[in-house]
């Protein structure tokens, strides 16, 4: 049976997108680079205005970074919740479970 989780130690997945294995720190860096690129595209020199797709590409980088960062944070919160549930399910010292 296949599992839903992926292991980053596995080899590269040929069908996976380029952002498959980046972590939360890289996702935050991607968001910051996207914001900087968007600001440069909209408020920068006139050469930036000659490339109308630059703002679109910057928004894609920001969106991908936010999705990866949010997914990493949700996974961390879920792991904390499951660890807390496991400690609550253990014997509480009176011989019975909660």
Protein backbone atom coordinates (compact mmCIF):
# COMPACT_ATOMS: atom_id res chain seq x y z
CA UNK A 1 0.00 0.00 0.00
CA UNK A 2 1.37 3.41 -0.90
CA UNK A 3 1.73 6.06 1.75
CA UNK A 4 0.65 9.65 1.35
CA UNK A 5 3.78 11.11 2.93
CA UNK A 6 6.93 11.55 0.91
CA UNK A 7 10.45 11.10 2.15
CA UNK A 8 12.88 13.80 1.10
CA UNK A 9 15.72 11.28 1.32
CA UNK A 10 14.21 9.43 -1.64
CA UNK A 11 15.68 10.12 -5.03
CA UNK A 12 14.29 12.83 -7.26
CA UNK A 13 10.77 12.28 -8.45
CA UNK A 14 10.59 12.87 -12.21
CA UNK A 15 6.94 13.91 -12.11
CA UNK A 16 7.34 16.24 -9.10
CA UNK A 17 7.44 20.03 -9.50
CA UNK A 18 10.64 21.95 -8.84
CA UNK A 19 9.51 23.05 -5.37
CA UNK A 20 8.80 19.49 -4.13
CA UNK A 21 11.63 19.21 -1.63
CA UNK A 22 12.11 22.74 -0.33
CA UNK A 23 11.68 23.26 3.39
CA UNK A 24 10.11 26.06 5.39
CA UNK A 25 13.27 28.18 5.42
CA UNK A 26 13.60 27.96 1.64
CA UNK A 27 9.89 28.73 1.28
CA UNK A 28 10.32 31.86 3.38
CA UNK A 29 13.28 32.88 1.24
CA UNK A 30 11.17 32.29 -1.89
CA UNK A 31 8.44 34.57 -0.52
CA UNK A 32 10.97 37.30 0.30
CA UNK A 33 12.59 37.07 -3.14
CA UNK A 34 9.14 37.20 -4.75
CA UNK A 35 8.19 40.30 -2.76
CA UNK A 36 11.47 41.99 -3.67
CA UNK A 37 11.00 41.14 -7.34
CA UNK A 38 7.41 42.41 -7.30
CA UNK A 39 8.45 45.69 -5.66
CA UNK A 40 11.24 46.12 -8.20
CA UNK A 41 8.87 45.34 -11.07
CA UNK A 42 6.25 47.87 -9.98
CA UNK A 43 8.37 50.63 -8.45
CA UNK A 44 11.76 50.07 -10.09
CA UNK A 45 13.39 51.68 -13.11
CA UNK A 46 11.66 51.97 -16.44
CA UNK A 47 13.44 48.82 -17.75
CA UNK A 48 11.35 46.77 -15.32
CA UNK A 49 8.16 48.21 -16.81
CA UNK A 50 9.19 46.84 -20.19
CA UNK A 51 8.72 43.29 -18.85
CA UNK A 52 5.03 42.98 -17.93
CA UNK A 53 5.30 39.29 -17.01
CA UNK A 54 7.75 39.99 -14.19
CA UNK A 55 4.98 40.91 -11.75
CA UNK A 56 3.12 37.74 -12.65
CA UNK A 57 6.21 35.60 -12.09
CA UNK A 58 6.85 37.33 -8.76
CA UNK A 59 3.29 36.62 -7.63
CA UNK A 60 3.70 32.96 -8.57
CA UNK A 61 6.88 32.74 -6.49
CA UNK A 62 5.11 34.35 -3.53
CA UNK A 63 2.12 32.00 -3.84
CA UNK A 64 4.26 28.86 -4.06
CA UNK A 65 6.36 29.99 -1.09
CA UNK A 66 3.27 30.69 1.01
CA UNK A 67 1.70 27.34 0.19
CA UNK A 68 4.86 25.39 1.03
CA UNK A 69 5.41 27.42 4.21
CA UNK A 70 1.80 26.95 5.32
CA UNK A 71 1.94 23.23 4.63
CA UNK A 72 5.12 22.88 6.66
CA UNK A 73 3.61 24.79 9.57
CA UNK A 74 0.41 22.72 9.48
CA UNK A 75 2.44 19.51 9.46
CA UNK A 76 4.38 20.70 12.49
CA UNK A 77 1.19 21.60 14.36
CA UNK A 78 -0.34 18.22 13.54
CA UNK A 79 2.73 16.39 14.80
CA UNK A 80 2.59 18.36 18.06
CA UNK A 81 -1.10 17.55 18.47
CA UNK A 82 -0.57 13.85 17.83
CA UNK A 83 2.35 13.78 20.30
CA UNK A 84 0.15 15.43 22.93
CA UNK A 85 -2.65 12.96 22.26
CA UNK A 86 -0.25 10.03 22.65
CA UNK A 87 0.92 11.26 26.05
CA UNK A 88 -2.68 11.77 27.18
CA UNK A 89 -3.60 8.24 26.09
CA UNK A 90 -0.89 6.67 28.23
CA UNK A 91 -1.63 5.27 31.66
CA UNK A 92 -2.21 8.08 34.12
CA UNK A 93 -0.84 6.14 37.12
CA UNK A 94 -4.17 4.81 38.40
CA UNK A 95 -4.30 1.74 36.19
CA UNK A 96 -6.93 3.07 33.82
CA UNK A 97 -6.87 5.00 30.64
CA UNK A 98 -8.50 8.26 29.96
